[in-house]
Amino acid sequence: MLDQGLTKFRRLWAVAAVVAGVCFGPLARAEEAADHKPEQLPAGRTVVRIEALPAMVQLKHPYDYAQLLLSAELDSGERIDVTRLAQAEAPSGVVSLSPTGMLRPQADGAGELKFSVGGQAVAVPVSVSGQKEAFPVSFVQDVAPVLSKMGCNAGTCHGSANGKNGFKLSLRGYDQLFDHRALTDDLA
């Protein structure tokens, strides 16, 4: 009887694996192919204007960052994201800019980020300060969000009624004083 149940389970598992491969396989392959194509402007369209958001960036401490978004208005009136298409020039040594538009501070200073796409350009003023000052770590702003993002204070983990493995946090971080004490005082 156990062998029949196990055989039936194996058959169902095999069918599920085949269905998943048939249903999701082409989607995964399409996503992989999309990752390898270089982005480009729509064929036959020209860029009329570029806009950067935010229009100005101030980074005030070593862990600060900004995500830039570049939009282009085409001759057809359409607006498209050109963040990854733009040629960028960042002020040397002041900030670092990732290919996806993430801006992080490197040293105190100021300058302009310059972007160009399709013959149009935009400049974004950047100022960086506070890089040499001590950064005060805050439980509420720096630690609690990580606990929530990782699911540590969810009902399925340490936020459950009894916690897990002798360690308990408030459900979804509603009592941050309790959570701070649990992390600093309750651990043996």
N, C-alpha and C. Protein backbone atom coordinates (compact mmCIF):
# COMPACT_ATOMS: atom_id res chain seq x y z
N MET A 1 0.83 -1.20 0.00
CA MET A 1 0.00 0.00 0.00
C MET A 1 0.87 1.26 0.00
N LEU A 2 1.94 1.25 0.79
CA LEU A 2 2.85 2.37 0.86
C LEU A 2 3.55 2.58 -0.47
N ASP A 3 3.91 1.46 -1.14
CA ASP A 3 4.57 1.55 -2.45
C ASP A 3 3.65 2.20 -3.48
N GLN A 4 2.34 1.89 -3.43
CA GLN A 4 1.40 2.49 -4.37
C GLN A 4 1.30 4.00 -4.16
N GLY A 5 1.23 4.42 -2.89
CA GLY A 5 1.15 5.84 -2.57
C GLY A 5 2.41 6.58 -3.01
N LEU A 6 3.58 5.95 -2.80
CA LEU A 6 4.84 6.54 -3.19
C LEU A 6 4.96 6.64 -4.70
N THR A 7 4.51 5.59 -5.40
CA THR A 7 4.55 5.60 -6.87
C THR A 7 3.62 6.68 -7.41
N LYS A 8 2.44 6.81 -6.81
CA LYS A 8 1.48 7.83 -7.24
C LYS A 8 2.07 9.23 -7.02
N PHE A 9 2.73 9.42 -5.87
CA PHE A 9 3.36 10.69 -5.56
C PHE A 9 4.45 11.01 -6.58
N ARG A 10 5.28 10.02 -6.91
CA ARG A 10 6.35 10.23 -7.89
C ARG A 10 5.78 10.60 -9.25
N ARG A 11 4.67 9.94 -9.65
CA ARG A 11 4.04 10.26 -10.94
C ARG A 11 3.53 11.70 -10.94
N LEU A 12 2.84 12.08 -9.86
CA LEU A 12 2.32 13.45 -9.76
C LEU A 12 3.46 14.46 -9.80
N TRP A 13 4.55 14.16 -9.10
CA TRP A 13 5.71 15.04 -9.08
C TRP A 13 6.30 15.17 -10.48
N ALA A 14 6.39 14.07 -11.21
CA ALA A 14 6.94 14.09 -12.57
C ALA A 14 6.03 14.92 -13.49
N VAL A 15 4.71 14.75 -13.36
CA VAL A 15 3.77 15.51 -14.18
C VAL A 15 3.90 17.00 -13.87
N ALA A 16 4.01 17.34 -12.59
CA ALA A 16 4.16 18.74 -12.20
C ALA A 16 5.44 19.33 -12.77
N ALA A 17 6.52 18.55 -12.76
CA ALA A 17 7.79 19.04 -13.29
C ALA A 17 7.69 19.28 -14.79
N VAL A 18 7.01 18.38 -15.51
CA VAL A 18 6.85 18.55 -16.96
C VAL A 18 5.99 19.77 -17.25
N VAL A 19 4.88 19.91 -16.52
CA VAL A 19 3.98 21.06 -16.72
C VAL A 19 4.74 22.36 -16.44
N ALA A 20 5.51 22.39 -15.37
CA ALA A 20 6.28 23.59 -15.05
C ALA A 20 7.28 23.90 -16.15
N GLY A 21 7.91 22.89 -16.69
CA GLY A 21 8.87 23.10 -17.77
C GLY A 21 8.20 23.60 -19.03
N VAL A 22 7.01 23.07 -19.33
CA VAL A 22 6.29 23.49 -20.53
C VAL A 22 5.74 24.90 -20.35
N CYS A 23 5.16 25.18 -19.18
CA CYS A 23 4.54 26.48 -18.97
C CYS A 23 5.55 27.59 -18.73
N PHE A 24 6.53 27.32 -17.90
CA PHE A 24 7.43 28.38 -17.49
C PHE A 24 8.76 28.35 -18.23
N GLY A 25 9.07 27.27 -18.89
CA GLY A 25 10.32 27.16 -19.64
C GLY A 25 10.45 28.23 -20.71
N PRO A 26 9.44 28.39 -21.61
CA PRO A 26 9.54 29.43 -22.64
C PRO A 26 9.65 30.83 -22.03
N LEU A 27 8.94 31.06 -20.94
CA LEU A 27 9.00 32.36 -20.28
C LEU A 27 10.41 32.63 -19.77
N ALA A 28 11.01 31.64 -19.13
CA ALA A 28 12.38 31.80 -18.62
C ALA A 28 13.36 32.03 -19.76
N ARG A 29 13.19 31.28 -20.85
CA ARG A 29 14.09 31.45 -21.99
C ARG A 29 13.90 32.83 -22.62
N ALA A 30 12.66 33.33 -22.67
CA ALA A 30 12.40 34.66 -23.22
C ALA A 30 13.04 35.73 -22.34
N GLU A 31 12.95 35.54 -21.00
CA GLU A 31 13.59 36.50 -20.10
C GLU A 31 15.10 36.48 -20.26
N GLU A 32 15.67 35.28 -20.42
CA GLU A 32 17.12 35.19 -20.63
C GLU A 32 17.51 35.88 -21.91
N ALA A 33 16.74 35.68 -22.97
CA ALA A 33 17.05 36.32 -24.25
C ALA A 33 16.92 37.84 -24.15
N ALA A 34 15.90 38.29 -23.40
CA ALA A 34 15.71 39.74 -23.24
C ALA A 34 16.89 40.36 -22.48
N ASP A 35 17.47 39.60 -21.57
CA ASP A 35 18.61 40.11 -20.81
C ASP A 35 19.83 40.33 -21.70
N HIS A 36 19.93 39.61 -22.80
CA HIS A 36 21.12 39.69 -23.64
C HIS A 36 21.01 40.70 -24.77
N LYS A 37 19.80 41.19 -25.04
CA LYS A 37 19.64 42.19 -26.10
C LYS A 37 20.03 43.55 -25.56
N PRO A 38 20.86 44.29 -26.27
CA PRO A 38 21.15 45.65 -25.82
C PRO A 38 19.92 46.54 -26.03
N GLU A 39 19.68 47.42 -25.08
CA GLU A 39 18.55 48.34 -25.21
C GLU A 39 18.88 49.39 -26.26
N GLN A 40 17.84 49.86 -26.91
CA GLN A 40 18.02 50.91 -27.90
C GLN A 40 16.74 51.71 -28.04
N LEU A 41 16.86 52.87 -28.64
CA LEU A 41 15.68 53.71 -28.88
C LEU A 41 14.78 53.03 -29.89
N PRO A 42 13.47 53.30 -29.85
CA PRO A 42 12.56 52.73 -30.84
C PRO A 42 12.98 53.15 -32.26
N ALA A 43 12.88 52.23 -33.17
CA ALA A 43 13.28 52.49 -34.56
C ALA A 43 12.49 53.64 -35.17
N GLY A 44 13.18 54.52 -35.84
CA GLY A 44 12.54 55.63 -36.54
C GLY A 44 12.12 56.79 -35.65
N ARG A 45 12.47 56.75 -34.38
CA ARG A 45 12.08 57.81 -33.45
C ARG A 45 13.31 58.61 -33.04
N THR A 46 13.10 59.88 -32.76
CA THR A 46 14.19 60.73 -32.28
C THR A 46 13.81 61.31 -30.93
N VAL A 47 14.83 61.60 -30.15
CA VAL A 47 14.63 62.17 -28.82
C VAL A 47 14.50 63.68 -28.95
N VAL A 48 13.42 64.23 -28.38
CA VAL A 48 13.17 65.67 -28.41
C VAL A 48 13.76 66.32 -27.16
N ARG A 49 13.64 65.62 -26.01
CA ARG A 49 14.04 66.21 -24.74
C ARG A 49 14.30 65.10 -23.73
N ILE A 50 15.23 65.35 -22.79
CA ILE A 50 15.51 64.41 -21.70
C ILE A 50 15.22 65.11 -20.38
N GLU A 51 14.65 64.35 -19.44
CA GLU A 51 14.36 64.86 -18.11
C GLU A 51 14.97 63.91 -17.09
N ALA A 52 15.59 64.47 -16.06
CA ALA A 52 16.18 63.66 -14.99
C ALA A 52 15.39 63.86 -13.70
N LEU A 53 15.11 62.77 -13.03
CA LEU A 53 14.45 62.82 -11.72
C LEU A 53 15.32 62.06 -10.73
N PRO A 54 15.68 62.63 -9.63
CA PRO A 54 15.47 64.00 -9.23
C PRO A 54 16.33 64.95 -10.05
N ALA A 55 15.92 66.19 -10.12
CA ALA A 55 16.62 67.19 -10.93
C ALA A 55 17.89 67.68 -10.25
N MET A 56 18.00 67.41 -8.94
CA MET A 56 19.17 67.82 -8.15
C MET A 56 19.38 66.79 -7.05
N VAL A 57 20.64 66.46 -6.75
CA VAL A 57 20.93 65.42 -5.76
C VAL A 57 21.83 65.97 -4.66
N GLN A 58 21.43 65.70 -3.40
CA GLN A 58 22.25 66.04 -2.24
C GLN A 58 22.46 64.76 -1.43
N LEU A 59 23.69 64.35 -1.26
CA LEU A 59 24.03 63.18 -0.47
C LEU A 59 24.70 63.68 0.80
N LYS A 60 24.11 63.35 1.98
CA LYS A 60 24.52 64.01 3.22
C LYS A 60 25.26 63.12 4.22
N HIS A 61 25.37 61.83 3.96
CA HIS A 61 26.14 60.98 4.85
C HIS A 61 26.70 59.79 4.06
N PRO A 62 27.61 59.05 4.64
CA PRO A 62 28.30 57.99 3.89
C PRO A 62 27.39 56.89 3.34
N TYR A 63 26.21 56.68 3.95
CA TYR A 63 25.32 55.61 3.50
C TYR A 63 24.16 56.13 2.67
N ASP A 64 24.19 57.39 2.33
CA ASP A 64 23.15 58.00 1.52
C ASP A 64 23.28 57.53 0.07
N TYR A 65 22.20 57.55 -0.67
CA TYR A 65 22.23 57.20 -2.09
C TYR A 65 21.04 57.83 -2.77
N ALA A 66 21.06 57.84 -4.08
CA ALA A 66 19.93 58.36 -4.85
C ALA A 66 19.79 57.50 -6.10
N GLN A 67 18.58 57.23 -6.49
CA GLN A 67 18.30 56.51 -7.73
C GLN A 67 17.85 57.54 -8.76
N LEU A 68 18.60 57.66 -9.84
CA LEU A 68 18.24 58.58 -10.91
C LEU A 68 17.39 57.88 -11.94
N LEU A 69 16.45 58.60 -12.50
CA LEU A 69 15.61 58.09 -13.57
C LEU A 69 15.65 59.11 -14.70
N LEU A 70 16.02 58.65 -15.86
CA LEU A 70 16.07 59.52 -17.03
C LEU A 70 14.93 59.15 -17.97
N SER A 71 14.12 60.13 -18.30
CA SER A 71 13.00 59.94 -19.23
C SER A 71 13.28 60.74 -20.49
N ALA A 72 12.95 60.16 -21.61
CA ALA A 72 13.10 60.88 -22.89
C ALA A 72 11.73 61.07 -23.51
N GLU A 73 11.52 62.25 -24.04
CA GLU A 73 10.30 62.51 -24.81
C GLU A 73 10.68 62.34 -26.27
N LEU A 74 9.94 61.48 -26.97
CA LEU A 74 10.21 61.20 -28.38
C LEU A 74 9.42 62.14 -29.27
N ASP A 75 9.76 62.18 -30.54
CA ASP A 75 9.06 63.04 -31.49
C ASP A 75 7.59 62.65 -31.65
N SER A 76 7.23 61.45 -31.24
CA SER A 76 5.84 61.00 -31.32
C SER A 76 5.03 61.44 -30.10
N GLY A 77 5.71 62.04 -29.10
CA GLY A 77 5.02 62.45 -27.88
C GLY A 77 5.13 61.41 -26.77
N GLU A 78 5.63 60.23 -27.08
CA GLU A 78 5.78 59.18 -26.09
C GLU A 78 6.91 59.52 -25.13
N ARG A 79 6.81 58.99 -23.90
CA ARG A 79 7.90 59.13 -22.91
C ARG A 79 8.41 57.73 -22.61
N ILE A 80 9.74 57.57 -22.66
CA ILE A 80 10.33 56.27 -22.38
C ILE A 80 11.47 56.42 -21.37
N ASP A 81 11.77 55.34 -20.68
CA ASP A 81 12.88 55.30 -19.74
C ASP A 81 14.17 55.07 -20.52
N VAL A 82 15.12 55.99 -20.36
CA VAL A 82 16.41 55.86 -21.05
C VAL A 82 17.57 55.84 -20.05
N THR A 83 17.27 55.48 -18.80
CA THR A 83 18.29 55.49 -17.75
C THR A 83 19.49 54.63 -18.14
N ARG A 84 19.24 53.43 -18.66
CA ARG A 84 20.33 52.51 -19.00
C ARG A 84 20.93 52.79 -20.38
N LEU A 85 20.28 53.62 -21.18
CA LEU A 85 20.79 53.95 -22.51
C LEU A 85 21.72 55.16 -22.51
N ALA A 86 21.59 56.00 -21.52
CA ALA A 86 22.30 57.28 -21.53
C ALA A 86 23.80 57.12 -21.34
N GLN A 87 24.54 57.97 -22.02
CA GLN A 87 25.98 58.09 -21.79
C GLN A 87 26.12 59.05 -20.62
N ALA A 88 26.91 58.65 -19.62
CA ALA A 88 27.01 59.46 -18.41
C ALA A 88 28.43 59.92 -18.14
N GLU A 89 28.53 61.11 -17.58
CA GLU A 89 29.79 61.66 -17.09
C GLU A 89 29.55 62.08 -15.65
N ALA A 90 30.28 61.47 -14.71
CA ALA A 90 30.14 61.81 -13.30
C ALA A 90 31.35 62.61 -12.85
N PRO A 91 31.16 63.53 -11.89
CA PRO A 91 32.31 64.27 -11.36
C PRO A 91 33.30 63.31 -10.72
N SER A 92 34.53 63.35 -11.15
CA SER A 92 35.56 62.42 -10.72
C SER A 92 35.79 62.46 -9.21
N GLY A 93 35.71 61.30 -8.58
CA GLY A 93 36.02 61.17 -7.16
C GLY A 93 34.96 61.64 -6.20
N VAL A 94 33.90 62.27 -6.68
CA VAL A 94 32.85 62.78 -5.78
C VAL A 94 31.75 61.75 -5.60
N VAL A 95 31.29 61.14 -6.69
CA VAL A 95 30.22 60.15 -6.64
C VAL A 95 30.57 58.98 -7.56
N SER A 96 29.90 57.86 -7.30
CA SER A 96 29.97 56.74 -8.24
C SER A 96 28.56 56.52 -8.79
N LEU A 97 28.47 56.17 -10.04
CA LEU A 97 27.20 55.99 -10.72
C LEU A 97 27.17 54.61 -11.35
N SER A 98 26.16 53.81 -11.00
CA SER A 98 26.04 52.46 -11.57
C SER A 98 25.37 52.56 -12.95
N PRO A 99 25.46 51.52 -13.76
CA PRO A 99 24.80 51.53 -15.07
C PRO A 99 23.28 51.66 -15.00
N THR A 100 22.70 51.34 -13.84
CA THR A 100 21.25 51.44 -13.68
C THR A 100 20.81 52.75 -13.05
N GLY A 101 21.75 53.68 -12.80
CA GLY A 101 21.38 55.00 -12.29
C GLY A 101 21.48 55.17 -10.79
N MET A 102 22.08 54.22 -10.07
CA MET A 102 22.23 54.35 -8.61
C MET A 102 23.46 55.20 -8.33
N LEU A 103 23.26 56.23 -7.54
CA LEU A 103 24.31 57.21 -7.24
C LEU A 103 24.70 57.08 -5.77
N ARG A 104 26.00 56.91 -5.51
CA ARG A 104 26.51 56.79 -4.15
C ARG A 104 27.67 57.76 -3.93
N PRO A 105 27.80 58.30 -2.70
CA PRO A 105 28.87 59.27 -2.44
C PRO A 105 30.23 58.61 -2.32
N GLN A 106 31.27 59.35 -2.68
CA GLN A 106 32.64 58.89 -2.50
C GLN A 106 33.43 59.86 -1.64
N ALA A 107 33.28 61.16 -1.86
CA ALA A 107 34.01 62.17 -1.09
C ALA A 107 33.21 63.47 -1.11
N ASP A 108 33.46 64.32 -0.12
CA ASP A 108 32.81 65.63 -0.08
C ASP A 108 33.16 66.42 -1.33
N GLY A 109 32.19 67.14 -1.84
CA GLY A 109 32.42 67.96 -3.02
C GLY A 109 31.13 68.24 -3.76
N ALA A 110 31.25 68.84 -4.91
CA ALA A 110 30.09 69.18 -5.74
C ALA A 110 30.48 69.04 -7.20
N GLY A 111 29.49 68.94 -8.04
CA GLY A 111 29.74 68.83 -9.46
C GLY A 111 28.44 68.62 -10.21
N GLU A 112 28.56 68.22 -11.45
CA GLU A 112 27.40 67.97 -12.30
C GLU A 112 27.52 66.60 -12.95
N LEU A 113 26.42 65.88 -12.92
CA LEU A 113 26.31 64.65 -13.70
C LEU A 113 25.77 65.06 -15.06
N LYS A 114 26.39 64.59 -16.12
CA LYS A 114 25.93 64.94 -17.47
C LYS A 114 25.50 63.65 -18.18
N PHE A 115 24.31 63.70 -18.74
CA PHE A 115 23.75 62.55 -19.45
C PHE A 115 23.40 62.97 -20.87
N SER A 116 23.61 62.09 -21.83
CA SER A 116 23.20 62.37 -23.21
C SER A 116 22.64 61.11 -23.85
N VAL A 117 21.57 61.31 -24.61
CA VAL A 117 20.91 60.24 -25.36
C VAL A 117 20.34 60.85 -26.63
N GLY A 118 20.59 60.22 -27.74
CA GLY A 118 19.99 60.64 -29.00
C GLY A 118 20.21 62.09 -29.35
N GLY A 119 21.37 62.63 -29.03
CA GLY A 119 21.67 64.01 -29.38
C GLY A 119 21.15 65.04 -28.39
N GLN A 120 20.46 64.62 -27.36
CA GLN A 120 19.96 65.53 -26.33
C GLN A 120 20.75 65.30 -25.05
N ALA A 121 20.84 66.33 -24.21
CA ALA A 121 21.62 66.23 -22.98
C ALA A 121 20.88 66.88 -21.82
N VAL A 122 21.24 66.45 -20.61
CA VAL A 122 20.71 67.03 -19.38
C VAL A 122 21.82 66.96 -18.33
N ALA A 123 21.85 67.96 -17.45
CA ALA A 123 22.83 68.01 -16.37
C ALA A 123 22.10 67.99 -15.03
N VAL A 124 22.65 67.25 -14.08
CA VAL A 124 22.06 67.13 -12.75
C VAL A 124 23.11 67.61 -11.73
N PRO A 125 22.84 68.72 -11.02
CA PRO A 125 23.78 69.18 -10.00
C PRO A 125 23.83 68.19 -8.83
N VAL A 126 25.05 67.92 -8.33
CA VAL A 126 25.24 66.98 -7.23
C VAL A 126 26.10 67.63 -6.16
N SER A 127 25.68 67.49 -4.90
CA SER A 127 26.53 67.94 -3.80
C SER A 127 26.63 66.82 -2.78
N VAL A 128 27.85 66.60 -2.30
CA VAL A 128 28.12 65.54 -1.33
C VAL A 128 28.76 66.18 -0.11
N SER A 129 28.22 65.84 1.07
CA SER A 129 28.77 66.37 2.32
C SER A 129 28.68 65.31 3.40
N GLY A 130 29.38 65.54 4.50
CA GLY A 130 29.27 64.66 5.67
C GLY A 130 29.98 63.33 5.54
N GLN A 131 30.92 63.20 4.62
CA GLN A 131 31.56 61.90 4.42
C GLN A 131 32.58 61.56 5.50
N LYS A 132 33.09 62.55 6.19
CA LYS A 132 34.10 62.30 7.22
C LYS A 132 33.51 62.32 8.62
N GLU A 133 32.24 62.69 8.75
CA GLU A 133 31.60 62.74 10.05
C GLU A 133 31.15 61.36 10.46
N ALA A 134 31.14 61.12 11.78
CA ALA A 134 30.65 59.84 12.30
C ALA A 134 29.15 59.74 12.03
N PHE A 135 28.73 58.57 11.57
CA PHE A 135 27.32 58.37 11.26
C PHE A 135 26.67 57.62 12.41
N PRO A 136 25.70 58.25 13.13
CA PRO A 136 25.06 57.57 14.25
C PRO A 136 24.07 56.50 13.74
N VAL A 137 24.27 55.29 14.18
CA VAL A 137 23.39 54.19 13.78
C VAL A 137 22.13 54.24 14.64
N SER A 138 20.99 54.09 14.01
CA SER A 138 19.70 54.13 14.69
C SER A 138 19.02 52.77 14.55
N PHE A 139 18.54 52.23 15.66
CA PHE A 139 17.83 50.96 15.60
C PHE A 139 16.59 51.09 14.73
N VAL A 140 15.83 52.17 14.93
CA VAL A 140 14.57 52.37 14.22
C VAL A 140 14.80 52.55 12.71
N GLN A 141 15.82 53.32 12.32
CA GLN A 141 16.02 53.60 10.91
C GLN A 141 16.93 52.60 10.19
N ASP A 142 17.84 51.96 10.91
CA ASP A 142 18.82 51.12 10.25
C ASP A 142 18.67 49.63 10.50
N VAL A 143 18.24 49.22 11.69
CA VAL A 143 18.18 47.80 12.02
C VAL A 143 16.77 47.23 11.82
N ALA A 144 15.76 47.90 12.35
CA ALA A 144 14.39 47.39 12.26
C ALA A 144 13.93 47.15 10.82
N PRO A 145 14.25 48.04 9.87
CA PRO A 145 13.83 47.76 8.49
C PRO A 145 14.45 46.48 7.91
N VAL A 146 15.66 46.17 8.33
CA VAL A 146 16.30 44.93 7.86
C VAL A 146 15.58 43.72 8.44
N LEU A 147 15.21 43.78 9.72
CA LEU A 147 14.47 42.68 10.33
C LEU A 147 13.14 42.44 9.61
N SER A 148 12.47 43.53 9.24
CA SER A 148 11.19 43.41 8.54
C SER A 148 11.38 42.88 7.13
N LYS A 149 12.37 43.40 6.42
CA LYS A 149 12.60 42.98 5.04
C LYS A 149 12.95 41.50 4.96
N MET A 150 13.73 41.02 5.90
CA MET A 150 14.14 39.62 5.91
C MET A 150 13.06 38.70 6.47
N GLY A 151 11.99 39.28 7.03
CA GLY A 151 10.90 38.46 7.55
C GLY A 151 11.13 37.94 8.95
N CYS A 152 12.14 38.45 9.64
CA CYS A 152 12.47 37.97 10.98
C CYS A 152 11.34 38.23 11.98
N ASN A 153 10.60 39.32 11.80
CA ASN A 153 9.53 39.64 12.74
C ASN A 153 8.16 39.25 12.19
N ALA A 154 8.14 38.38 11.20
CA ALA A 154 6.88 37.87 10.65
C ALA A 154 6.34 36.78 11.56
N GLY A 155 5.07 36.46 11.41
CA GLY A 155 4.44 35.44 12.22
C GLY A 155 5.02 34.05 12.02
N THR A 156 5.66 33.82 10.90
CA THR A 156 6.25 32.50 10.64
C THR A 156 7.65 32.37 11.22
N CYS A 157 8.19 33.46 11.76
CA CYS A 157 9.56 33.43 12.29
C CYS A 157 9.53 33.88 13.75
N HIS A 158 10.39 34.80 14.15
CA HIS A 158 10.51 35.21 15.54
C HIS A 158 9.38 36.12 15.99
N GLY A 159 8.51 36.56 15.09
CA GLY A 159 7.37 37.39 15.46
C GLY A 159 6.16 36.57 15.85
N SER A 160 6.27 35.24 15.85
CA SER A 160 5.14 34.39 16.24
C SER A 160 4.90 34.51 17.74
N ALA A 161 3.78 33.99 18.22
CA ALA A 161 3.38 34.14 19.62
C ALA A 161 4.46 33.67 20.58
N ASN A 162 5.15 32.59 20.25
CA ASN A 162 6.19 32.05 21.13
C ASN A 162 7.59 32.29 20.60
N GLY A 163 7.72 32.98 19.49
CA GLY A 163 9.03 33.19 18.89
C GLY A 163 9.55 31.90 18.28
N LYS A 164 10.83 31.83 18.04
CA LYS A 164 11.47 30.62 17.51
C LYS A 164 12.79 30.41 18.23
N ASN A 165 13.05 29.20 18.61
CA ASN A 165 14.31 28.82 19.26
C ASN A 165 14.64 29.71 20.46
N GLY A 166 13.63 30.08 21.22
CA GLY A 166 13.85 30.86 22.42
C GLY A 166 14.06 32.35 22.19
N PHE A 167 13.88 32.81 20.96
CA PHE A 167 14.06 34.24 20.65
C PHE A 167 12.77 34.77 20.06
N LYS A 168 12.29 35.88 20.60
CA LYS A 168 11.01 36.44 20.16
C LYS A 168 11.15 37.92 19.84
N LEU A 169 10.49 38.34 18.74
CA LEU A 169 10.38 39.75 18.35
C LEU A 169 8.91 40.12 18.29
N SER A 170 8.61 41.39 18.32
CA SER A 170 7.21 41.81 18.18
C SER A 170 6.75 41.53 16.75
N LEU A 171 5.48 41.20 16.61
CA LEU A 171 4.92 40.88 15.30
C LEU A 171 4.98 42.10 14.39
N ARG A 172 5.65 41.97 13.25
CA ARG A 172 5.82 43.02 12.24
C ARG A 172 6.49 44.29 12.78
N GLY A 173 7.21 44.16 13.89
CA GLY A 173 7.98 45.29 14.40
C GLY A 173 7.16 46.39 15.04
N TYR A 174 5.95 46.07 15.57
CA TYR A 174 5.10 47.12 16.13
C TYR A 174 5.66 47.68 17.43
N ASP A 175 6.47 46.92 18.17
CA ASP A 175 7.03 47.41 19.43
C ASP A 175 8.55 47.42 19.32
N GLN A 176 9.09 48.53 18.85
CA GLN A 176 10.52 48.58 18.56
C GLN A 176 11.37 48.61 19.82
N LEU A 177 10.85 49.13 20.92
CA LEU A 177 11.58 49.10 22.18
C LEU A 177 11.74 47.65 22.65
N PHE A 178 10.68 46.86 22.54
CA PHE A 178 10.74 45.43 22.89
C PHE A 178 11.77 44.72 22.01
N ASP A 179 11.74 45.01 20.72
CA ASP A 179 12.67 44.36 19.79
C ASP A 179 14.12 44.74 20.09
N HIS A 180 14.35 46.01 20.39
CA HIS A 180 15.71 46.46 20.73
C HIS A 180 16.20 45.75 21.97
N ARG A 181 15.35 45.65 22.98
CA ARG A 181 15.73 44.96 24.22
C ARG A 181 15.94 43.47 23.96
N ALA A 182 15.13 42.89 23.10
CA ALA A 182 15.29 41.46 22.79
C ALA A 182 16.65 41.21 22.15
N LEU A 183 17.08 42.11 21.29
CA LEU A 183 18.37 41.93 20.60
C LEU A 183 19.56 42.25 21.50
N THR A 184 19.41 43.20 22.40
CA THR A 184 20.57 43.62 23.22
C THR A 184 20.62 42.99 24.59
N ASP A 185 19.47 42.67 25.19
CA ASP A 185 19.46 42.19 26.58
C ASP A 185 19.06 40.73 26.73
N ASP A 186 18.17 40.23 25.88
CA ASP A 186 17.59 38.90 26.10
C ASP A 186 18.44 37.75 25.57
N LEU A 187 19.36 38.03 24.68
CA LEU A 187 20.17 36.95 24.13
C LEU A 187 21.23 36.53 25.14
N ALA A 188 21.31 35.24 25.36
CA ALA A 188 22.30 34.74 26.31
C ALA A 188 23.66 34.61 25.67
